[in-house]
Protein backbone atom coordinates (compact mmCIF):
# COMPACT_ATOMS: atom_id res chain seq x y z
CA MET A 1 62.13 -3.54 -49.36
CA THR A 2 60.04 -1.80 -52.34
CA PHE A 3 56.81 0.01 -51.90
CA THR A 4 55.16 -3.18 -53.62
CA ASP A 5 56.63 -5.25 -51.28
CA LEU A 6 55.10 -3.29 -48.30
CA LEU A 7 51.38 -3.63 -49.62
CA ARG A 8 51.84 -7.32 -50.63
CA PRO A 9 52.64 -8.81 -47.11
CA ALA A 10 54.33 -12.11 -46.93
CA ALA A 11 52.58 -15.38 -47.39
CA ALA A 12 51.58 -17.37 -44.46
CA GLY A 13 54.13 -19.30 -42.87
CA ALA A 14 56.96 -17.20 -44.49
CA PRO A 15 59.84 -16.06 -42.46
CA CYS A 16 59.81 -12.10 -41.55
CA ALA A 17 61.65 -11.38 -38.47
CA GLY A 18 59.91 -9.47 -35.80
CA ASP A 19 56.72 -9.13 -37.85
CA GLN A 20 53.98 -11.27 -36.30
CA HIS A 21 51.48 -10.35 -38.91
CA ALA A 22 53.52 -11.64 -41.78
CA GLY A 23 50.89 -14.15 -42.80
CA ASP A 24 47.94 -11.79 -42.61
CA ARG A 25 47.12 -11.47 -46.21
CA HIS A 26 44.87 -8.42 -45.63
CA ALA A 27 47.76 -6.20 -44.32
CA GLY A 28 48.08 -4.41 -47.66
CA ALA A 29 44.32 -3.94 -47.82
CA THR A 30 44.46 -2.62 -44.55
CA LEU A 31 47.26 -0.04 -45.39
CA ALA A 32 45.53 0.81 -48.77
CA ALA A 33 42.43 2.06 -46.92
CA ALA A 34 44.26 4.05 -44.53
CA VAL A 35 46.34 5.79 -47.36
CA LEU A 36 43.00 6.71 -49.10
CA GLY A 37 41.35 7.58 -45.80
CA PHE A 38 44.20 9.87 -45.44
CA PHE A 39 43.89 11.15 -48.46
CA VAL A 40 40.50 12.10 -48.54
CA ILE A 41 40.79 13.95 -45.08
CA THR A 42 43.69 16.04 -46.38
CA LEU A 43 41.92 16.73 -49.79
CA ASP A 44 39.09 18.11 -48.44
CA ALA A 45 41.30 20.64 -46.27
CA THR A 46 43.28 21.78 -49.41
CA ILE A 47 40.98 21.78 -52.30
CA VAL A 48 38.77 24.06 -50.83
CA ASN A 49 41.40 27.01 -50.47
CA VAL A 50 41.73 27.80 -54.08
CA ALA A 51 37.80 27.93 -54.44
CA LEU A 52 37.12 30.27 -51.72
CA PRO A 53 36.86 33.49 -53.98
CA SER A 54 34.15 31.36 -56.18
CA ILE A 55 32.17 30.28 -53.00
CA ARG A 56 31.78 34.27 -51.88
CA SER A 57 31.07 35.19 -55.38
CA ALA A 58 27.93 32.55 -55.46
CA LEU A 59 27.16 32.45 -51.89
CA GLY A 60 28.25 36.05 -50.45
CA GLY A 61 29.87 36.31 -47.21
CA GLY A 62 33.71 38.50 -46.41
CA ILE A 63 36.67 36.88 -45.26
CA THR A 64 35.35 35.84 -41.86
CA GLY A 65 32.79 33.65 -43.84
CA LEU A 66 35.58 31.95 -45.90
CA GLN A 67 37.58 31.24 -42.86
CA TRP A 68 34.29 29.53 -41.37
CA VAL A 69 34.28 27.39 -44.41
CA VAL A 70 37.78 26.17 -43.74
CA ASP A 71 37.62 26.31 -40.04
CA GLY A 72 34.30 24.85 -39.76
CA TYR A 73 35.67 21.50 -40.97
CA THR A 74 39.16 21.99 -38.83
CA LEU A 75 37.51 23.09 -35.71
CA MET A 76 35.32 20.14 -35.57
CA PHE A 77 38.13 17.83 -36.81
CA ALA A 78 40.50 19.27 -33.67
CA ALA A 79 37.85 19.35 -30.93
CA LEU A 80 36.58 15.51 -31.69
CA LEU A 81 40.22 13.92 -32.36
CA LEU A 82 40.78 13.34 -28.62
CA SER A 83 37.38 11.24 -28.27
CA ALA A 84 37.94 9.92 -31.56
CA GLY A 85 40.95 8.20 -30.38
CA ALA A 86 39.79 6.91 -27.32
CA LEU A 87 36.94 5.50 -29.59
CA SER A 88 38.93 3.67 -31.91
CA ASP A 89 40.71 1.97 -28.99
CA ARG A 90 37.43 1.12 -27.55
CA ILE A 91 35.45 -0.57 -30.48
CA GLY A 92 38.35 -0.93 -32.48
CA ALA A 93 40.05 0.68 -35.38
CA ARG A 94 38.32 -0.69 -38.34
CA ARG A 95 34.87 -0.21 -36.85
CA ALA A 96 35.48 3.48 -35.96
CA PHE A 97 37.42 4.03 -39.56
CA GLY A 98 34.21 2.56 -41.12
CA ALA A 99 31.97 4.87 -39.23
CA GLY A 100 33.68 7.94 -39.98
CA LEU A 101 34.06 7.47 -43.43
CA VAL A 102 30.55 7.03 -43.90
CA VAL A 103 29.57 10.25 -42.14
CA PHE A 104 32.11 11.94 -44.09
CA VAL A 105 30.93 10.91 -47.52
CA VAL A 106 27.33 11.43 -46.54
CA ALA A 107 28.01 15.12 -45.81
CA SER A 108 30.04 15.71 -48.87
CA PRO A 109 27.16 15.97 -51.12
CA ALA A 110 25.27 18.50 -48.49
CA CYS A 111 28.63 20.86 -48.92
CA GLY A 112 28.10 20.55 -52.65
CA LEU A 113 24.17 21.29 -52.34
CA ALA A 114 24.60 24.10 -50.14
CA PRO A 115 22.28 27.07 -51.12
CA SER A 116 23.96 29.65 -48.41
CA PRO A 117 27.12 30.11 -46.52
CA GLY A 118 25.23 29.10 -43.33
CA VAL A 119 24.57 25.32 -44.87
CA LEU A 120 27.85 25.01 -46.20
CA VAL A 121 29.57 25.71 -42.77
CA ALA A 122 27.15 23.56 -41.18
CA ALA A 123 27.94 20.64 -43.87
CA ARG A 124 31.44 21.23 -43.06
CA PHE A 125 30.88 20.62 -39.64
CA VAL A 126 29.69 17.17 -40.38
CA GLN A 127 32.62 16.28 -42.53
CA GLY A 128 34.94 17.42 -39.78
CA VAL A 129 33.14 15.32 -37.40
CA GLY A 130 33.52 12.12 -39.92
CA ALA A 131 37.14 13.21 -40.49
CA ALA A 132 38.19 13.22 -36.85
CA VAL A 133 36.76 9.57 -36.19
CA MET A 134 38.85 8.29 -39.54
CA MET A 135 42.40 9.93 -38.46
CA PRO A 136 43.24 8.29 -35.36
CA ALA A 137 41.75 5.00 -36.37
CA SER A 138 43.85 5.09 -39.52
CA MET A 139 46.77 5.62 -37.71
CA ALA A 140 45.72 2.64 -35.35
CA LEU A 141 45.14 0.34 -38.34
CA VAL A 142 48.60 0.75 -39.84
CA ARG A 143 50.03 0.44 -36.13
CA HIS A 144 48.14 -3.17 -35.79
CA ALA A 145 48.80 -4.15 -39.36
CA TYR A 146 52.66 -3.62 -38.85
CA PRO A 147 53.88 -4.33 -35.64
CA ASP A 148 57.47 -4.40 -36.43
CA ALA A 149 59.01 -1.09 -35.95
CA GLY A 150 60.74 -1.10 -39.11
CA ARG A 151 58.12 -2.67 -41.33
CA ARG A 152 55.78 0.17 -39.47
CA ALA A 153 58.04 3.01 -40.26
CA ARG A 154 58.00 2.07 -43.79
CA ALA A 155 54.18 1.67 -43.87
CA VAL A 156 53.78 5.12 -42.09
CA GLY A 157 55.93 6.38 -44.92
CA VAL A 158 53.41 4.99 -47.50
CA TRP A 159 50.64 6.26 -45.19
CA ALA A 160 52.09 9.80 -45.75
CA MET A 161 51.70 9.59 -49.35
CA GLY A 162 48.03 9.89 -48.91
CA GLY A 163 48.25 13.41 -47.16
CA ALA A 164 51.25 14.44 -49.56
CA VAL A 165 49.48 13.46 -52.77
CA ALA A 166 46.15 14.93 -51.45
CA ALA A 167 48.04 17.90 -50.94
CA ALA A 168 49.59 18.22 -54.30
CA ALA A 169 46.67 17.63 -56.04
CA GLY A 170 44.12 19.80 -53.92
CA PRO A 171 44.89 23.15 -55.30
CA VAL A 172 44.89 22.06 -58.90
CA LEU A 173 41.85 19.82 -58.63
CA GLY A 174 40.20 22.45 -56.91
CA GLY A 175 40.88 24.89 -59.71
CA LEU A 176 40.25 22.71 -62.59
CA LEU A 177 36.79 21.63 -60.96
CA SER A 178 36.05 25.08 -60.06
CA LEU A 179 35.90 25.74 -63.86
CA ALA A 180 32.76 23.90 -64.16
CA SER A 181 31.49 24.59 -60.44
CA TRP A 182 32.89 24.97 -57.07
CA ARG A 183 30.42 22.85 -55.92
CA MET A 184 31.93 19.85 -57.81
CA ILE A 185 35.03 20.09 -55.36
CA PHE A 186 33.00 18.02 -52.72
CA TRP A 187 31.36 15.29 -55.06
CA ILE A 188 34.89 13.74 -55.75
CA ASN A 189 34.88 12.38 -51.98
CA LEU A 190 31.82 9.81 -53.41
CA PRO A 191 33.96 7.49 -55.41
CA VAL A 192 36.93 7.88 -53.44
CA GLY A 193 35.15 6.88 -50.08
CA ALA A 194 33.20 3.79 -52.01
CA VAL A 195 36.75 2.50 -52.90
CA THR A 196 37.90 2.95 -49.18
CA LEU A 197 35.27 0.81 -48.00
CA LEU A 198 35.48 -2.03 -50.41
CA LEU A 199 39.19 -2.29 -48.97
CA LEU A 200 38.50 -1.69 -45.37
CA ALA A 201 35.86 -4.80 -45.71
CA ARG A 202 39.18 -6.82 -46.35
CA ALA A 203 40.95 -5.43 -43.26
CA PRO A 204 41.03 -7.65 -40.11
CA HIS A 205 39.35 -6.27 -36.55
CA PRO A 206 42.36 -4.97 -34.58
CA PRO A 207 41.68 -5.69 -30.54
CA THR A 208 39.54 -3.18 -28.68
CA ARG A 209 39.90 -2.07 -25.03
CA ALA A 210 36.70 -1.69 -23.02
CA ALA A 211 36.50 1.58 -20.62
CA PRO A 212 33.90 4.10 -19.91
CA PHE A 213 33.68 7.15 -22.20
CA ASP A 214 34.98 10.57 -20.63
CA TRP A 215 32.37 12.50 -21.50
CA ILE A 216 33.63 15.51 -19.22
CA GLY A 217 36.76 15.60 -21.01
CA GLN A 218 35.10 15.82 -24.22
CA VAL A 219 32.53 18.70 -23.15
CA THR A 220 35.53 20.89 -21.72
CA GLY A 221 37.77 19.70 -24.77
CA ILE A 222 35.13 20.96 -27.24
CA ALA A 223 34.42 24.12 -25.28
CA ALA A 224 38.12 24.95 -24.95
CA MET A 225 38.87 24.62 -28.48
CA GLY A 226 35.98 25.98 -29.99
CA GLY A 227 36.05 28.80 -27.57
CA LEU A 228 39.71 29.65 -28.85
CA THR A 229 39.01 29.09 -32.40
CA TYR A 230 36.07 31.45 -32.54
CA GLY A 231 37.62 34.08 -30.45
CA ALA A 232 40.56 34.40 -32.90
CA ILE A 233 38.57 34.06 -36.08
CA GLU A 234 36.11 36.74 -34.45
CA ALA A 235 38.86 39.32 -33.40
CA GLY A 236 39.62 39.74 -36.90
CA GLN A 237 36.41 41.61 -37.90
CA ALA A 238 35.74 42.99 -34.09
CA GLY A 239 38.98 43.33 -32.54
CA PHE A 240 40.09 41.50 -29.57
CA THR A 241 38.40 43.83 -27.10
CA ALA A 242 34.74 43.00 -28.62
CA PRO A 243 32.51 41.27 -25.86
CA GLN A 244 31.93 38.50 -27.91
CA VAL A 245 35.61 37.87 -28.39
CA VAL A 246 36.61 38.15 -24.73
CA ILE A 247 34.06 35.78 -23.64
CA ALA A 248 34.91 33.11 -26.12
CA LEU A 249 38.67 33.26 -25.14
CA ALA A 250 37.51 33.40 -21.40
CA VAL A 251 35.34 30.23 -22.16
CA ALA A 252 38.68 28.70 -23.85
CA VAL A 253 40.92 29.46 -20.65
CA VAL A 254 38.52 27.95 -18.00
CA SER A 255 37.22 25.11 -20.14
CA PHE A 256 40.92 24.15 -20.91
CA ALA A 257 41.50 24.38 -17.03
CA ALA A 258 38.84 22.44 -16.46
CA PHE A 259 39.84 19.74 -19.02
CA VAL A 260 43.29 19.19 -17.70
CA LEU A 261 41.96 19.09 -13.96
CA ALA A 262 39.43 16.27 -15.30
CA GLN A 263 42.11 14.23 -16.84
CA ALA A 264 44.11 14.16 -14.04
CA ARG A 265 41.07 13.05 -11.32
CA VAL A 266 38.88 10.88 -13.60
CA ALA A 267 39.01 6.98 -13.49
CA HIS A 268 39.04 6.54 -17.57
CA PRO A 269 40.65 10.04 -18.81
CA MET A 270 40.36 10.69 -22.43
CA VAL A 271 43.93 11.80 -22.54
CA PRO A 272 45.85 9.98 -19.84
CA LEU A 273 48.31 12.61 -18.52
CA GLU A 274 51.06 9.92 -18.24
CA LEU A 275 51.45 10.10 -21.89
CA PHE A 276 53.09 13.48 -21.77
CA ARG A 277 55.71 12.02 -18.99
CA SER A 278 57.42 11.12 -22.21
CA ALA A 279 59.35 14.15 -23.41
CA THR A 280 59.37 12.48 -26.91
CA VAL A 281 55.39 12.61 -27.43
CA THR A 282 55.20 16.19 -25.97
CA ILE A 283 57.84 17.23 -28.50
CA ALA A 284 56.25 15.28 -31.35
CA VAL A 285 52.84 16.85 -30.33
CA ALA A 286 54.66 20.61 -30.41
CA ILE A 287 55.91 19.67 -33.97
CA GLY A 288 52.61 18.51 -35.05
CA PHE A 289 51.13 22.18 -34.28
CA ALA A 290 54.04 24.18 -35.49
CA PHE A 291 54.07 22.06 -39.06
CA MET A 292 50.53 22.82 -39.46
CA VAL A 293 50.70 26.57 -38.97
CA GLY A 294 53.11 26.60 -41.95
CA PHE A 295 52.28 23.88 -44.11
CA TYR A 296 48.43 24.74 -43.75
CA GLY A 297 48.29 28.50 -43.12
CA LEU A 298 50.80 29.48 -46.39
CA PRO A 299 48.30 27.97 -48.58
CA PHE A 300 45.46 29.69 -47.34
CA LEU A 301 47.52 32.83 -47.09
CA PHE A 302 48.78 32.37 -50.79
CA SER A 303 45.51 31.29 -52.20
CA LEU A 304 43.70 34.82 -51.28
CA TYR A 305 47.09 36.60 -52.30
CA PHE A 306 47.12 35.07 -55.67
CA GLN A 307 43.74 35.73 -56.76
CA GLN A 308 43.08 39.13 -54.92
CA GLN A 309 46.26 40.82 -55.64
CA HIS A 310 47.45 38.99 -58.85
CA GLY A 311 43.92 38.48 -60.25
CA LEU A 312 44.69 34.62 -61.03
CA SER A 313 41.80 32.39 -61.50
CA PRO A 314 41.11 29.63 -59.19
CA LEU A 315 42.91 27.02 -61.55
CA GLY A 316 45.96 29.65 -62.25
CA ALA A 317 46.26 29.45 -58.44
CA GLY A 318 46.18 26.06 -57.97
CA VAL A 319 48.89 25.70 -61.07
CA ALA A 320 51.07 28.18 -58.74
CA PHE A 321 51.22 25.89 -55.79
CA LEU A 322 51.86 22.88 -58.01
CA PRO A 323 55.87 23.04 -57.76
CA MET A 324 55.12 23.33 -53.76
CA MET A 325 53.34 20.16 -53.66
CA ALA A 326 54.58 18.30 -56.28
CA LEU A 327 58.04 18.24 -54.98
CA SER A 328 56.63 17.25 -51.92
CA ALA A 329 54.70 14.29 -52.92
CA CYS A 330 57.77 13.17 -55.05
CA LEU A 331 60.14 13.47 -51.78
CA THR A 332 57.50 11.27 -49.42
CA PRO A 333 58.63 8.05 -50.70
CA PHE A 334 61.86 8.24 -49.83
CA SER A 335 60.87 9.78 -46.21
CA ALA A 336 61.71 6.63 -44.43
CA ARG A 337 65.04 5.86 -46.45
CA ILE A 338 66.04 9.38 -45.09
CA THR A 339 65.22 8.50 -41.60
CA GLN A 340 66.32 4.89 -41.47
CA ARG A 341 69.73 6.70 -42.54
CA THR A 342 70.00 9.97 -40.68
CA GLY A 343 67.44 9.38 -37.39
CA PRO A 344 64.80 11.54 -37.11
CA ARG A 345 66.22 14.39 -35.67
CA VAL A 346 67.93 15.52 -38.94
CA PRO A 347 65.05 15.69 -41.43
CA VAL A 348 62.40 17.01 -38.70
CA VAL A 349 64.56 19.78 -37.80
CA ALA A 350 65.85 20.40 -41.61
CA GLY A 351 62.05 20.39 -42.71
CA LEU A 352 60.90 22.95 -39.91
CA CYS A 353 64.21 25.21 -40.75
CA LEU A 354 63.01 25.06 -44.35
CA ILE A 355 59.51 26.20 -43.27
CA ALA A 356 60.92 29.14 -41.66
CA ALA A 357 63.52 30.06 -44.51
CA GLY A 358 60.47 29.98 -46.82
CA SER A 359 58.23 32.13 -44.77
CA ILE A 360 61.21 34.52 -44.47
CA ALA A 361 62.15 34.95 -48.20
CA LEU A 362 58.24 35.44 -48.81
CA ALA A 363 57.97 37.79 -45.97
CA VAL A 364 60.85 40.06 -47.32
CA ALA A 365 60.13 39.65 -50.99
CA PRO A 366 58.72 42.81 -52.63
CA ALA A 367 55.25 42.92 -53.58
CA SER A 368 55.88 43.57 -57.19
CA ILE A 369 57.73 39.93 -57.48
CA PRO A 370 55.93 37.75 -60.10
CA VAL A 371 53.84 34.80 -59.50
CA TRP A 372 56.25 32.42 -60.26
CA VAL A 373 59.09 33.75 -58.08
CA SER A 374 56.12 33.40 -55.12
CA ALA A 375 55.62 29.82 -56.38
CA LEU A 376 59.51 28.93 -56.09
CA LEU A 377 59.81 30.29 -52.68
CA LEU A 378 56.86 28.28 -51.32
CA ILE A 379 58.79 24.96 -52.73
CA PRO A 380 60.66 25.14 -49.12
CA VAL A 381 57.36 24.63 -47.15
CA GLY A 382 56.36 21.93 -49.66
CA LEU A 383 59.53 20.06 -49.03
CA ALA A 384 58.97 19.93 -45.10
CA GLY A 385 55.89 17.77 -45.22
CA PRO A 386 57.89 14.70 -45.86
CA LEU A 387 60.84 15.66 -43.75
CA VAL A 388 58.80 16.39 -40.86
CA MET A 389 55.50 14.20 -40.37
CA PRO A 390 56.45 10.79 -41.29
CA PRO A 391 59.29 10.41 -38.80
CA THR A 392 57.53 12.39 -36.16
CA THR A 393 54.88 10.23 -36.75
CA ALA A 394 56.74 7.00 -36.54
CA VAL A 395 58.61 8.15 -33.56
CA LEU A 396 55.30 8.73 -31.56
CA LEU A 397 54.14 5.30 -32.47
CA ASP A 398 57.26 3.92 -31.24
CA HIS A 399 57.07 5.74 -27.78
CA VAL A 400 53.58 4.92 -26.80
CA PRO A 401 52.15 1.17 -26.15
CA ALA A 402 49.82 -0.56 -28.57
CA HIS A 403 46.73 -0.35 -26.94
CA ARG A 404 47.06 3.66 -26.45
CA THR A 405 47.82 3.90 -30.50
CA GLY A 406 44.42 5.81 -31.14
CA THR A 407 44.60 7.74 -27.91
CA ALA A 408 48.16 8.89 -28.97
CA GLY A 409 46.99 9.31 -32.58
CA GLY A 410 44.17 11.53 -31.40
CA VAL A 411 46.15 13.96 -29.30
CA PHE A 412 48.65 14.12 -32.07
CA ASN A 413 46.21 15.16 -34.69
CA THR A 414 44.36 17.32 -32.28
CA SER A 415 47.74 19.31 -32.22
CA ARG A 416 47.94 19.58 -35.95
CA GLN A 417 44.29 20.47 -36.47
CA ILE A 418 44.40 23.14 -33.79
CA GLY A 419 47.51 24.50 -35.63
CA GLY A 420 45.92 24.60 -38.86
CA ALA A 421 42.64 26.06 -37.49
CA LEU A 422 44.53 28.92 -35.54
CA ALA A 423 46.66 29.48 -38.49
CA VAL A 424 43.74 30.15 -40.83
CA ALA A 425 42.28 32.08 -37.83
CA VAL A 426 45.20 34.48 -36.88
CA PHE A 427 46.17 35.00 -40.35
CA GLY A 428 42.85 35.75 -41.65
CA ALA A 429 42.31 38.32 -38.60
CA LEU A 430 45.57 39.88 -39.77
CA LEU A 431 44.97 40.12 -43.30
CA SER A 432 41.53 42.00 -42.63
CA GLY A 433 43.24 44.19 -39.93
CA SER A 434 43.74 47.74 -40.31
CA GLY A 435 47.14 47.51 -41.56
CA GLY A 436 45.62 46.23 -44.76
CA PHE A 437 46.34 42.95 -46.85
CA GLU A 438 50.18 43.23 -47.64
CA HIS A 439 51.01 43.86 -43.97
CA GLY A 440 48.86 41.27 -42.38
CA LEU A 441 50.60 38.80 -45.19
CA ARG A 442 54.06 39.67 -43.95
CA LEU A 443 53.41 39.71 -40.51
CA SER A 444 51.70 36.32 -40.41
CA LEU A 445 54.52 34.90 -42.75
CA ALA A 446 57.13 36.37 -39.89
CA LEU A 447 54.92 34.71 -37.37
CA ALA A 448 54.91 31.08 -39.29
CA ALA A 449 58.52 31.72 -39.47
CA VAL A 450 58.95 32.12 -35.32
CA ILE A 451 56.93 29.15 -34.69
CA ALA A 452 58.82 26.82 -37.09
CA LEU A 453 62.25 27.99 -35.43
CA ALA A 454 60.80 27.27 -31.91
CA ALA A 455 59.78 23.83 -33.14
CA ALA A 456 63.27 22.98 -35.04
CA ALA A 457 64.98 23.43 -31.62
CA ALA A 458 62.21 21.41 -29.65
CA GLY A 459 62.84 18.96 -32.66
CA ALA A 460 66.54 18.82 -31.79
CA ARG A 461 65.62 16.69 -28.76
CA LEU A 462 63.67 14.01 -30.39
CA ALA A 463 64.78 10.48 -29.31
CA VAL A 464 67.08 8.81 -31.41
CA THR A 465 66.70 5.48 -29.93
CA ARG A 466 63.06 3.49 -28.96
CA PRO A 467 62.17 2.43 -25.43
CA GLN A 468 62.62 -0.76 -24.17
CA PRO A 469 59.38 -2.97 -24.21
C-alpha cells in the first residue's frame, strides 16, 4: 500500500479486510487535517529556536526570558494535555481539534505583534492551550478513521510525517523569515490553519463519551507541572536554594501527590490509573519523555551554541540543522515498513541509542571543531525521530481501548512535552551556571545520553504482540 492509497480510502462497498471504514470517503481528509495539525504544532516548537537571539535583541531579556518564550508554549501544552485528551473523548475529536486550532491560529498574530517579552510569553501561553487541545484530538481522529491495526500503523507513519517535516523545516524557515523579521515566524500559522480547517470540515464526527469533568485532576496537574518547570527555569538564575525555587518545587511535589490521590478516588478521573496497569503503556510514556529530552533539548542547545559561540546568523544556524532534520523527514515514510519487518522494539531501541551516541559524540568533541562537524554529529539524533515515535505511538494506540484514545494520547503527549520543557529548563540552567557555557553544554549532553540509554533499556521490553480484544 502506497502513501497515496492510504490517503485515498476505498470506495463504498469495496472489500478491505478488517477496515470498518473502508467506504468512508472522508478518511483521507481526516488524516490530512491531523497531519497538518501535527505539523503546525511542531513547527511552532522548532521555528522559534533559531530566532531566540533576534528576539532578545529586539525585546530584551536574558537566557531565562528566552527559556520562557520556548517553555511558555510547552508548559501550557503539557499542563493541559491530560484534560484535552479527556475532552476529546467527551465532545468528539473533530470538535476538540477544531476548537484548539482556532485558539492556536488566533494567538499566532498576537505573538507576531508582541511589543515586549511579557506579551510574547503570554501569547505563547495561549498558543500552548490551543496546541494542547489539538494534539490528542489529532491522534484520536487517526484512530477512529483507521480502526484496522495494519492500516492504522501506516496512517500513524503518515501522521508522524507532519512532525518530521515541521522539525526539518522549522530551523531553516525560522532563519529565512528572521532575515526579514523574527515576527514573521508566527504569521505562517494563518494559511496552514485555514487549509486545516477546510480539511477538517470534511471529517466525520467520531463518537463521544459523556462523563463529568475532573476539575480536581486538572487543577492539581497544572500546579504540579507548572511548579516543576518554573522551579527548574528559575534555578538557573537564582540557584536551587532560592526561596521561589524551593516553593515552586514543593508545590510540584505536593500537587503531584494530590493528583495521583484524586485520580485513584474520583468517580470519573481525568487519567484512569488502570491505563498504567499495562506495562506497554507505561513504557511508551517513559519513551516519549526521554525522546523529547534529546530531540527537543539538543536543538535548543545548539541554536544558542551556533550563534553565540560561532557567530552564525539565524539562517546560518538553521542551515546547520538541515542535515539532521532533512534526513529525519526522509526516513519517516519508511518507519511503518521497518516496524512491520522488525517489530517495534528494534527501531525504538536503535533510535534511542542513536540519541545517546550523538549526544556523547558532541559532548566529547573538542570545542574547536567546525560547525559542519557538529552538524554531522547531530544527524544520529535526527534519525532517531522516525525510528522511535511512530512505532511507539502505534503500539500505544494498539494497547488502549478505542474510547480511551484521546485520554491515552493526552497522557503520552504530556510525557513528551514535560520532557521537552524540562530539557529546555534544565539545559538552560546549566548553560547559565557558574561553570560557563561550554561546561553547561557538555553536562547537558551527558544528561541527555544517560536518559536516552535508560529509555532504550525500557524499550527492550515493549510488547511485540497486540492484546486480544
